[in-house]
Amino acid sequence: MLSFIDTHSHITDPRYNLEEIEKHWKENNISNVFAVSYDKKSIIDVTNVAFNNNNIYAIIGVHPDDCDDYNNETEELIKSLAKNKKVLAIGEIGLDYHEIDANDFEKKNKQKEVFISQIKLADELGLPIMIHLRDACKDMLDILHDYSHYLNNGGIIHCFGESVETYDAVKKLGFVIGVGGVVTFKNGKRLQQVVEHADVRDIILETDCPYLTPEPFRGQINEPKNILYIAQKVCEIKGLTMSELSEITNKNVERVFPRFGGRNNG
């Protein structure tokens, strides 16, 4: 049976009626949706929705843009909630220099500090990490190399937008890539080249909704149901059928997120 998984969504966004969008995704062969946090409040929001819905899972952590939200209290909250098997990973964590002045080393160093703390926390909890990366590729790779002994559970570079060479580098570190709506864009050539080059076993699908709505709905609020348009483009690039891609990417998700893979075994 054809089914897909949206591995990165923000379905607790107040613009959504959860009951309505869940109906939409179920009608479009989306079996599961992973709700991802970015700050302390959303950590509570995504775990609440995941713990009360069989088809939704949580990924919890603090986004680089919200790194001031990360402190001892937040870390203890994450540790407590991560005891529940519906929490699959620590994320989205990482680096984002897009709106930081090139010489603002204080903000950059704060992001690095919080990122490294959450890498260590994920290793302590035995969970993979979901990385947000924007305009900070060198620093990201440097940290992943320097702290590779904490990367024992692998992870995902969410919304991958880097080069083929960067894909090769993160693959060596045990990471897969999240492919989203950008792959459908006319200006998404770089990601299309990465998808063409990549081993399909290194690809998982995501919407990052409500952002990055794929063609032909670009400009509208994104929903998990739109994973199908991302899947269709990946199939076109890789020469696969939707059924083949469904089977492969679902196995990828089960491998990358062991708690999800073991969900039917207790």
C-alpha atoms as a PDB file:
ATOM      1  CA  MET A   1       0.000   0.000   0.000  1.00  0.00           C
ATOM      2  CA  LEU A   2       1.310   3.429  -0.989  1.00  0.00           C
ATOM      3  CA  SER A   3       2.142   5.584   2.021  1.00  0.00           C
ATOM      4  CA  PHE A   4       4.564   8.359   2.881  1.00  0.00           C
ATOM      5  CA  ILE A   5       5.870   9.952   6.070  1.00  0.00           C
ATOM      6  CA  ASP A   6       6.343  13.681   6.616  1.00  0.00           C
ATOM      7  CA  THR A   7       9.482  13.725   8.756  1.00  0.00           C
ATOM      8  CA  HIS A   8       9.517  17.460   9.488  1.00  0.00           C
ATOM      9  CA  SER A   9       6.456  19.605  10.130  1.00  0.00           C
ATOM     10  CA  HIS A  10       5.302  22.432  12.372  1.00  0.00           C
ATOM     11  CA  ILE A  11       1.674  21.362  12.673  1.00  0.00           C
ATOM     12  CA  THR A  12       1.238  23.135  16.018  1.00  0.00           C
ATOM     13  CA  ASP A  13       1.440  26.455  14.167  1.00  0.00           C
ATOM     14  CA  PRO A  14      -1.657  28.496  15.157  1.00  0.00           C
ATOM     15  CA  ARG A  15      -2.640  28.900  11.501  1.00  0.00           C
ATOM     16  CA  TYR A  16      -3.686  25.249  11.395  1.00  0.00           C
ATOM     17  CA  ASN A  17      -6.839  23.441  12.347  1.00  0.00           C
ATOM     18  CA  LEU A  18      -5.167  20.135  13.236  1.00  0.00           C
ATOM     19  CA  GLU A  19      -8.283  18.043  12.704  1.00  0.00           C
ATOM     20  CA  GLU A  20      -8.702  19.482   9.212  1.00  0.00           C
ATOM     21  CA  ILE A  21      -5.112  19.054   8.025  1.00  0.00           C
ATOM     22  CA  GLU A  22      -4.962  15.557   9.528  1.00  0.00           C
ATOM     23  CA  LYS A  23      -8.009  14.656   7.454  1.00  0.00           C
ATOM     24  CA  HIS A  24      -6.201  16.021   4.380  1.00  0.00           C
ATOM     25  CA  TRP A  25      -3.027  14.032   4.954  1.00  0.00           C
ATOM     26  CA  LYS A  26      -4.859  10.787   5.626  1.00  0.00           C
ATOM     27  CA  GLU A  27      -6.790  11.239   2.369  1.00  0.00           C
ATOM     28  CA  ASN A  28      -3.452  11.599   0.560  1.00  0.00           C
ATOM     29  CA  ASN A  29      -1.639   8.472   1.794  1.00  0.00           C
ATOM     30  CA  ILE A  30       0.429  10.169   4.491  1.00  0.00           C
ATOM     31  CA  SER A  31       0.658   7.606   7.278  1.00  0.00           C
ATOM     32  CA  ASN A  32       2.641   9.553   9.882  1.00  0.00           C
ATOM     33  CA  VAL A  33       3.729  13.118  10.594  1.00  0.00           C
ATOM     34  CA  PHE A  34       6.655  14.193  12.771  1.00  0.00           C
ATOM     35  CA  ALA A  35       6.051  17.452  14.654  1.00  0.00           C
ATOM     36  CA  VAL A  36       9.255  19.409  15.288  1.00  0.00           C
ATOM     37  CA  SER A  37       9.893  22.026  17.973  1.00  0.00           C
ATOM     38  CA  TYR A  38      12.060  25.152  17.861  1.00  0.00           C
ATOM     39  CA  ASP A  39      11.741  26.744  21.327  1.00  0.00           C
ATOM     40  CA  LYS A  40      10.608  25.879  24.849  1.00  0.00           C
ATOM     41  CA  LYS A  41       6.890  26.474  24.227  1.00  0.00           C
ATOM     42  CA  SER A  42       6.848  24.422  21.045  1.00  0.00           C
ATOM     43  CA  ILE A  43       8.643  21.559  22.823  1.00  0.00           C
ATOM     44  CA  ILE A  44       5.571  21.301  25.054  1.00  0.00           C
ATOM     45  CA  ASP A  45       3.175  21.808  22.117  1.00  0.00           C
ATOM     46  CA  VAL A  46       4.626  19.097  19.859  1.00  0.00           C
ATOM     47  CA  THR A  47       4.897  16.530  22.632  1.00  0.00           C
ATOM     48  CA  ASN A  48       1.307  17.199  23.692  1.00  0.00           C
ATOM     49  CA  VAL A  49       0.019  16.592  20.179  1.00  0.00           C
ATOM     50  CA  ALA A  50       2.239  13.534  19.663  1.00  0.00           C
ATOM     51  CA  PHE A  51       1.379  11.911  22.971  1.00  0.00           C
ATOM     52  CA  ASN A  52      -2.333  12.247  22.162  1.00  0.00           C
ATOM     53  CA  ASN A  53      -2.323  11.096  18.522  1.00  0.00           C
ATOM     54  CA  ASN A  54      -1.236   7.684  17.259  1.00  0.00           C
ATOM     55  CA  ASN A  55      -0.084   8.998  13.882  1.00  0.00           C
ATOM     56  CA  ILE A  56       2.018  11.915  15.147  1.00  0.00           C
ATOM     57  CA  TYR A  57       5.526  11.753  16.630  1.00  0.00           C
ATOM     58  CA  ALA A  58       7.666  14.467  18.215  1.00  0.00           C
ATOM     59  CA  ILE A  59      11.182  15.760  17.635  1.00  0.00           C
ATOM     60  CA  ILE A  60      12.259  18.177  20.364  1.00  0.00           C
ATOM     61  CA  GLY A  61      15.021  20.730  20.706  1.00  0.00           C
ATOM     62  CA  VAL A  62      15.879  24.414  20.386  1.00  0.00           C
ATOM     63  CA  HIS A  63      16.420  26.092  16.989  1.00  0.00           C
ATOM     64  CA  PRO A  64      19.494  28.341  16.574  1.00  0.00           C
ATOM     65  CA  ASP A  65      17.293  31.413  16.132  1.00  0.00           C
ATOM     66  CA  ASP A  66      15.820  30.679  19.578  1.00  0.00           C
ATOM     67  CA  CYS A  67      19.030  29.678  21.334  1.00  0.00           C
ATOM     68  CA  ASP A  68      18.378  32.124  24.184  1.00  0.00           C
ATOM     69  CA  ASP A  69      15.565  29.711  25.131  1.00  0.00           C
ATOM     70  CA  TYR A  70      18.084  26.977  25.916  1.00  0.00           C
ATOM     71  CA  ASN A  71      19.123  26.705  29.560  1.00  0.00           C
ATOM     72  CA  ASN A  72      19.292  24.084  32.319  1.00  0.00           C
ATOM     73  CA  GLU A  73      15.525  24.147  32.772  1.00  0.00           C
ATOM     74  CA  THR A  74      14.936  23.527  29.046  1.00  0.00           C
ATOM     75  CA  GLU A  75      17.486  20.722  29.034  1.00  0.00           C
ATOM     76  CA  GLU A  76      15.765  19.017  31.955  1.00  0.00           C
ATOM     77  CA  LEU A  77      12.410  19.409  30.198  1.00  0.00           C
ATOM     78  CA  ILE A  78      13.820  17.706  27.097  1.00  0.00           C
ATOM     79  CA  LYS A  79      15.307  14.889  29.194  1.00  0.00           C
ATOM     80  CA  SER A  80      11.995  14.300  30.934  1.00  0.00           C
ATOM     81  CA  LEU A  81       9.873  14.305  27.768  1.00  0.00           C
ATOM     82  CA  ALA A  82      12.362  12.200  25.811  1.00  0.00           C
ATOM     83  CA  LYS A  83      11.637   9.260  28.124  1.00  0.00           C
ATOM     84  CA  ASN A  84       8.446   8.809  26.098  1.00  0.00           C
ATOM     85  CA  LYS A  85       9.027   6.619  23.033  1.00  0.00           C
ATOM     86  CA  LYS A  86       6.963   9.005  20.889  1.00  0.00           C
ATOM     87  CA  VAL A  87       9.966  11.373  21.007  1.00  0.00           C
ATOM     88  CA  LEU A  88      12.151  10.257  18.097  1.00  0.00           C
ATOM     89  CA  ALA A  89      15.066  12.708  17.979  1.00  0.00           C
ATOM     90  CA  ILE A  90      16.569  15.949  19.241  1.00  0.00           C
ATOM     91  CA  GLY A  91      15.880  18.816  16.860  1.00  0.00           C
ATOM     92  CA  GLU A  92      15.699  21.006  15.126  1.00  0.00           C
ATOM     93  CA  ILE A  93      19.094  22.138  16.342  1.00  0.00           C
ATOM     94  CA  GLY A  94      21.983  23.667  14.453  1.00  0.00           C
ATOM     95  CA  LEU A  95      23.316  26.915  13.036  1.00  0.00           C
ATOM     96  CA  ASP A  96      21.618  29.743  11.139  1.00  0.00           C
ATOM     97  CA  TYR A  97      23.692  32.796  10.226  1.00  0.00           C
ATOM     98  CA  HIS A  98      21.236  34.139   7.651  1.00  0.00           C
ATOM     99  CA  GLU A  99      20.225  37.195   9.658  1.00  0.00           C
ATOM    100  CA  ILE A 100      23.428  37.586  11.673  1.00  0.00           C
ATOM    101  CA  ASP A 101      26.071  40.164  10.768  1.00  0.00           C
ATOM    102  CA  ALA A 102      29.213  38.420   9.502  1.00  0.00           C
ATOM    103  CA  ASN A 103      31.247  39.946  12.334  1.00  0.00           C
ATOM    104  CA  ASP A 104      28.758  39.254  15.126  1.00  0.00           C
ATOM    105  CA  PHE A 105      30.836  36.515  16.701  1.00  0.00           C
ATOM    106  CA  GLU A 106      28.939  36.730  19.987  1.00  0.00           C
ATOM    107  CA  LYS A 107      25.704  35.525  18.366  1.00  0.00           C
ATOM    108  CA  LYS A 108      27.510  32.926  16.281  1.00  0.00           C
ATOM    109  CA  ASN A 109      29.346  31.577  19.322  1.00  0.00           C
ATOM    110  CA  LYS A 110      26.088  31.398  21.283  1.00  0.00           C
ATOM    111  CA  GLN A 111      24.520  29.309  18.509  1.00  0.00           C
ATOM    112  CA  LYS A 112      27.574  27.032  18.437  1.00  0.00           C
ATOM    113  CA  GLU A 113      27.469  26.586  22.212  1.00  0.00           C
ATOM    114  CA  VAL A 114      23.768  25.640  22.229  1.00  0.00           C
ATOM    115  CA  PHE A 115      24.209  23.358  19.220  1.00  0.00           C
ATOM    116  CA  ILE A 116      27.097  21.482  20.844  1.00  0.00           C
ATOM    117  CA  SER A 117      25.176  21.177  24.125  1.00  0.00           C
ATOM    118  CA  GLN A 118      22.257  19.558  22.300  1.00  0.00           C
ATOM    119  CA  ILE A 119      24.554  17.221  20.339  1.00  0.00           C
ATOM    120  CA  LYS A 120      25.891  15.989  23.683  1.00  0.00           C
ATOM    121  CA  LEU A 121      22.370  15.746  25.117  1.00  0.00           C
ATOM    122  CA  ALA A 122      21.187  13.643  22.179  1.00  0.00           C
ATOM    123  CA  ASP A 123      24.112  11.280  22.638  1.00  0.00           C
ATOM    124  CA  GLU A 124      23.315  10.990  26.347  1.00  0.00           C
ATOM    125  CA  LEU A 125      19.706  10.135  25.468  1.00  0.00           C
ATOM    126  CA  GLY A 126      20.680   7.744  22.676  1.00  0.00           C
ATOM    127  CA  LEU A 127      18.741   9.698  20.058  1.00  0.00           C
ATOM    128  CA  PRO A 128      19.561  10.950  16.550  1.00  0.00           C
ATOM    129  CA  ILE A 129      19.743  14.673  15.840  1.00  0.00           C
ATOM    130  CA  MET A 130      17.852  16.743  13.290  1.00  0.00           C
ATOM    131  CA  ILE A 131      20.009  19.619  12.080  1.00  0.00           C
ATOM    132  CA  HIS A 132      18.930  23.005  10.754  1.00  0.00           C
ATOM    133  CA  LEU A 133      21.672  24.520   8.589  1.00  0.00           C
ATOM    134  CA  ARG A 134      21.565  27.902   6.887  1.00  0.00           C
ATOM    135  CA  ASP A 135      24.516  30.020   5.717  1.00  0.00           C
ATOM    136  CA  ALA A 136      26.842  28.277   8.172  1.00  0.00           C
ATOM    137  CA  CYS A 137      28.138  25.239   6.314  1.00  0.00           C
ATOM    138  CA  LYS A 138      31.833  25.448   7.256  1.00  0.00           C
ATOM    139  CA  ASP A 139      31.170  25.977  10.964  1.00  0.00           C
ATOM    140  CA  MET A 140      28.610  23.168  10.903  1.00  0.00           C
ATOM    141  CA  LEU A 141      31.019  20.695   9.327  1.00  0.00           C
ATOM    142  CA  ASP A 142      33.802  21.767  11.690  1.00  0.00           C
ATOM    143  CA  ILE A 143      31.585  21.094  14.722  1.00  0.00           C
ATOM    144  CA  LEU A 144      30.387  17.744  13.383  1.00  0.00           C
ATOM    145  CA  HIS A 145      33.984  16.661  12.798  1.00  0.00           C
ATOM    146  CA  ASP A 146      35.236  17.981  16.145  1.00  0.00           C
ATOM    147  CA  TYR A 147      32.384  16.326  18.064  1.00  0.00           C
ATOM    148  CA  SER A 148      32.031  13.207  15.914  1.00  0.00           C
ATOM    149  CA  HIS A 149      32.517  11.017  19.011  1.00  0.00           C
ATOM    150  CA  TYR A 150      29.071  12.262  20.146  1.00  0.00           C
ATOM    151  CA  LEU A 151      27.408  11.356  16.835  1.00  0.00           C
ATOM    152  CA  ASN A 152      26.720   7.750  17.753  1.00  0.00           C
ATOM    153  CA  ASN A 153      23.067   7.810  16.713  1.00  0.00           C
ATOM    154  CA  GLY A 154      23.282   9.521  13.333  1.00  0.00           C
ATOM    155  CA  GLY A 155      20.842  12.111  12.180  1.00  0.00           C
ATOM    156  CA  ILE A 156      19.371  14.225   9.445  1.00  0.00           C
ATOM    157  CA  ILE A 157      20.359  17.458   7.747  1.00  0.00           C
ATOM    158  CA  HIS A 158      16.864  18.893   7.520  1.00  0.00           C
ATOM    159  CA  CYS A 159      15.796  20.875   4.448  1.00  0.00           C
ATOM    160  CA  PHE A 160      19.096  20.105   2.747  1.00  0.00           C
ATOM    161  CA  GLY A 161      20.207  22.936   0.505  1.00  0.00           C
ATOM    162  CA  GLU A 162      23.945  22.487   0.230  1.00  0.00           C
ATOM    163  CA  SER A 163      26.206  21.098  -2.495  1.00  0.00           C
ATOM    164  CA  VAL A 164      26.890  17.562  -3.687  1.00  0.00           C
ATOM    165  CA  GLU A 165      30.250  17.797  -1.906  1.00  0.00           C
ATOM    166  CA  THR A 166      28.554  18.680   1.379  1.00  0.00           C
ATOM    167  CA  TYR A 167      26.172  15.757   0.960  1.00  0.00           C
ATOM    168  CA  ASP A 168      29.201  13.477   0.522  1.00  0.00           C
ATOM    169  CA  ALA A 169      30.793  14.949   3.662  1.00  0.00           C
ATOM    170  CA  VAL A 170      27.729  14.514   5.887  1.00  0.00           C
ATOM    171  CA  LYS A 171      27.103  11.023   4.526  1.00  0.00           C
ATOM    172  CA  LYS A 172      30.549  10.016   5.801  1.00  0.00           C
ATOM    173  CA  LEU A 173      29.500  11.298   9.231  1.00  0.00           C
ATOM    174  CA  GLY A 174      26.414   9.066   9.203  1.00  0.00           C
ATOM    175  CA  PHE A 175      23.772  11.602   8.199  1.00  0.00           C
ATOM    176  CA  VAL A 176      20.919  11.427   5.728  1.00  0.00           C
ATOM    177  CA  ILE A 177      19.262  14.412   4.066  1.00  0.00           C
ATOM    178  CA  GLY A 178      15.736  15.759   4.351  1.00  0.00           C
ATOM    179  CA  VAL A 179      14.329  16.687   0.931  1.00  0.00           C
ATOM    180  CA  GLY A 180      11.467  19.158   0.870  1.00  0.00           C
ATOM    181  CA  GLY A 181       9.539  21.489  -1.396  1.00  0.00           C
ATOM    182  CA  VAL A 182      12.608  23.277  -2.760  1.00  0.00           C
ATOM    183  CA  VAL A 183      13.261  20.243  -4.972  1.00  0.00           C
ATOM    184  CA  THR A 184      10.140  21.229  -6.983  1.00  0.00           C
ATOM    185  CA  PHE A 185      11.176  24.880  -7.446  1.00  0.00           C
ATOM    186  CA  LYS A 186      12.474  26.246 -10.759  1.00  0.00           C
ATOM    187  CA  ASN A 187      15.415  27.665  -8.811  1.00  0.00           C
ATOM    188  CA  GLY A 188      15.947  24.382  -6.966  1.00  0.00           C
ATOM    189  CA  LYS A 189      18.589  23.094  -9.406  1.00  0.00           C
ATOM    190  CA  ARG A 190      21.257  22.553  -6.756  1.00  0.00           C
ATOM    191  CA  LEU A 191      19.015  20.347  -4.644  1.00  0.00           C
ATOM    192  CA  GLN A 192      17.859  18.498  -7.762  1.00  0.00           C
ATOM    193  CA  GLN A 193      21.514  17.773  -8.571  1.00  0.00           C
ATOM    194  CA  VAL A 194      22.081  16.485  -5.031  1.00  0.00           C
ATOM    195  CA  VAL A 195      19.026  14.214  -5.261  1.00  0.00           C
ATOM    196  CA  GLU A 196      20.252  12.872  -8.607  1.00  0.00           C
ATOM    197  CA  HIS A 197      23.707  12.177  -7.106  1.00  0.00           C
ATOM    198  CA  ALA A 198      22.572  10.851  -3.722  1.00  0.00           C
ATOM    199  CA  ASP A 199      21.969   7.266  -2.742  1.00  0.00           C
ATOM    200  CA  VAL A 200      18.178   7.016  -2.380  1.00  0.00           C
ATOM    201  CA  ARG A 201      18.804   5.245   0.938  1.00  0.00           C
ATOM    202  CA  ASP A 202      20.096   8.601   2.213  1.00  0.00           C
ATOM    203  CA  ILE A 203      16.879  10.494   1.438  1.00  0.00           C
ATOM    204  CA  ILE A 204      13.881  11.112   3.665  1.00  0.00           C
ATOM    205  CA  LEU A 205      10.952  13.340   2.738  1.00  0.00           C
ATOM    206  CA  GLU A 206       9.654  16.386   4.603  1.00  0.00           C
ATOM    207  CA  THR A 207       7.412  19.397   4.103  1.00  0.00           C
ATOM    208  CA  ASP A 208       8.712  21.813   6.777  1.00  0.00           C
ATOM    209  CA  CYS A 209       5.117  23.040   6.718  1.00  0.00           C
ATOM    210  CA  PRO A 210       3.775  25.706   6.926  1.00  0.00           C
ATOM    211  CA  TYR A 211       6.890  26.818   4.994  1.00  0.00           C
ATOM    212  CA  LEU A 212       8.410  25.891   1.606  1.00  0.00           C
ATOM    213  CA  THR A 213       5.213  24.834  -0.115  1.00  0.00           C
ATOM    214  CA  PRO A 214       6.044  22.786  -3.230  1.00  0.00           C
ATOM    215  CA  GLU A 215       4.930  23.561  -6.751  1.00  0.00           C
ATOM    216  CA  PRO A 216       2.186  23.844  -7.915  1.00  0.00           C
ATOM    217  CA  PHE A 217       0.998  25.450  -4.650  1.00  0.00           C
ATOM    218  CA  ARG A 218       3.970  27.701  -3.941  1.00  0.00           C
ATOM    219  CA  GLY A 219       2.874  30.807  -2.041  1.00  0.00           C
ATOM    220  CA  GLN A 220       0.146  28.985  -0.129  1.00  0.00           C
ATOM    221  CA  ILE A 221       0.426  27.608   3.408  1.00  0.00           C
ATOM    222  CA  ASN A 222       2.072  24.214   3.242  1.00  0.00           C
ATOM    223  CA  GLU A 223       0.550  21.017   4.706  1.00  0.00           C
ATOM    224  CA  PRO A 224       1.794  17.439   5.257  1.00  0.00           C
ATOM    225  CA  LYS A 225      -0.431  16.244   2.383  1.00  0.00           C
ATOM    226  CA  ASN A 226       1.908  18.034  -0.029  1.00  0.00           C
ATOM    227  CA  ILE A 227       4.622  15.440   0.591  1.00  0.00           C
ATOM    228  CA  LEU A 228       3.173  13.722  -2.491  1.00  0.00           C
ATOM    229  CA  TYR A 229       4.389  16.521  -4.793  1.00  0.00           C
ATOM    230  CA  ILE A 230       7.874  16.310  -3.307  1.00  0.00           C
ATOM    231  CA  ALA A 231       7.810  12.531  -3.763  1.00  0.00           C
ATOM    232  CA  GLN A 232       6.714  12.882  -7.389  1.00  0.00           C
ATOM    233  CA  LYS A 233       9.681  15.160  -8.159  1.00  0.00           C
ATOM    234  CA  VAL A 234      12.139  12.818  -6.447  1.00  0.00           C
ATOM    235  CA  CYS A 235      10.686   9.918  -8.465  1.00  0.00           C
ATOM    236  CA  GLU A 236      11.137  11.923 -11.665  1.00  0.00           C
ATOM    237  CA  ILE A 237      14.790  12.623 -10.831  1.00  0.00           C
ATOM    238  CA  LYS A 238      15.643   9.124  -9.610  1.00  0.00           C
ATOM    239  CA  GLY A 239      13.621   7.161 -12.164  1.00  0.00           C
ATOM    240  CA  LEU A 240      11.481   5.461  -9.520  1.00  0.00           C
ATOM    241  CA  THR A 241       7.791   4.752  -9.189  1.00  0.00           C
ATOM    242  CA  MET A 242       5.878   6.268  -6.283  1.00  0.00           C
ATOM    243  CA  SER A 243       5.449   2.786  -4.842  1.00  0.00           C
ATOM    244  CA  GLU A 244       9.199   2.135  -4.979  1.00  0.00           C
ATOM    245  CA  LEU A 245      10.016   5.476  -3.372  1.00  0.00           C
ATOM    246  CA  SER A 246       7.399   4.920  -0.676  1.00  0.00           C
ATOM    247  CA  GLU A 247       8.903   1.566   0.275  1.00  0.00           C
ATOM    248  CA  ILE A 248      12.491   2.858   0.255  1.00  0.00           C
ATOM    249  CA  THR A 249      11.918   6.100   2.152  1.00  0.00           C
ATOM    250  CA  ASN A 250       9.726   4.423   4.777  1.00  0.00           C
ATOM    251  CA  LYS A 251      12.532   1.941   5.433  1.00  0.00           C
ATOM    252  CA  ASN A 252      14.964   4.863   5.604  1.00  0.00           C
ATOM    253  CA  VAL A 253      12.813   6.560   8.239  1.00  0.00           C
ATOM    254  CA  GLU A 254      12.619   3.375  10.307  1.00  0.00           C
ATOM    255  CA  ARG A 255      16.406   3.028  10.143  1.00  0.00           C
ATOM    256  CA  VAL A 256      17.192   6.674  10.940  1.00  0.00           C
ATOM    257  CA  PHE A 257      14.657   6.890  13.779  1.00  0.00           C
ATOM    258  CA  PRO A 258      15.002   3.575  15.690  1.00  0.00           C
ATOM    259  CA  ARG A 259      12.126   4.383  18.044  1.00  0.00           C
ATOM    260  CA  PHE A 260       9.835   4.770  15.056  1.00  0.00           C
ATOM    261  CA  GLY A 261      11.193   1.587  13.517  1.00  0.00           C
ATOM    262  CA  GLY A 262      10.469  -0.305  16.709  1.00  0.00           C
ATOM    263  CA  ARG A 263       7.033   1.193  17.325  1.00  0.00           C
ATOM    264  CA  ASN A 264       5.231  -2.081  16.595  1.00  0.00           C
ATOM    265  CA  ASN A 265       7.467  -4.030  18.962  1.00  0.00           C
ATOM    266  CA  GLY A 266       6.525  -2.354  22.224  1.00  0.00           C
END
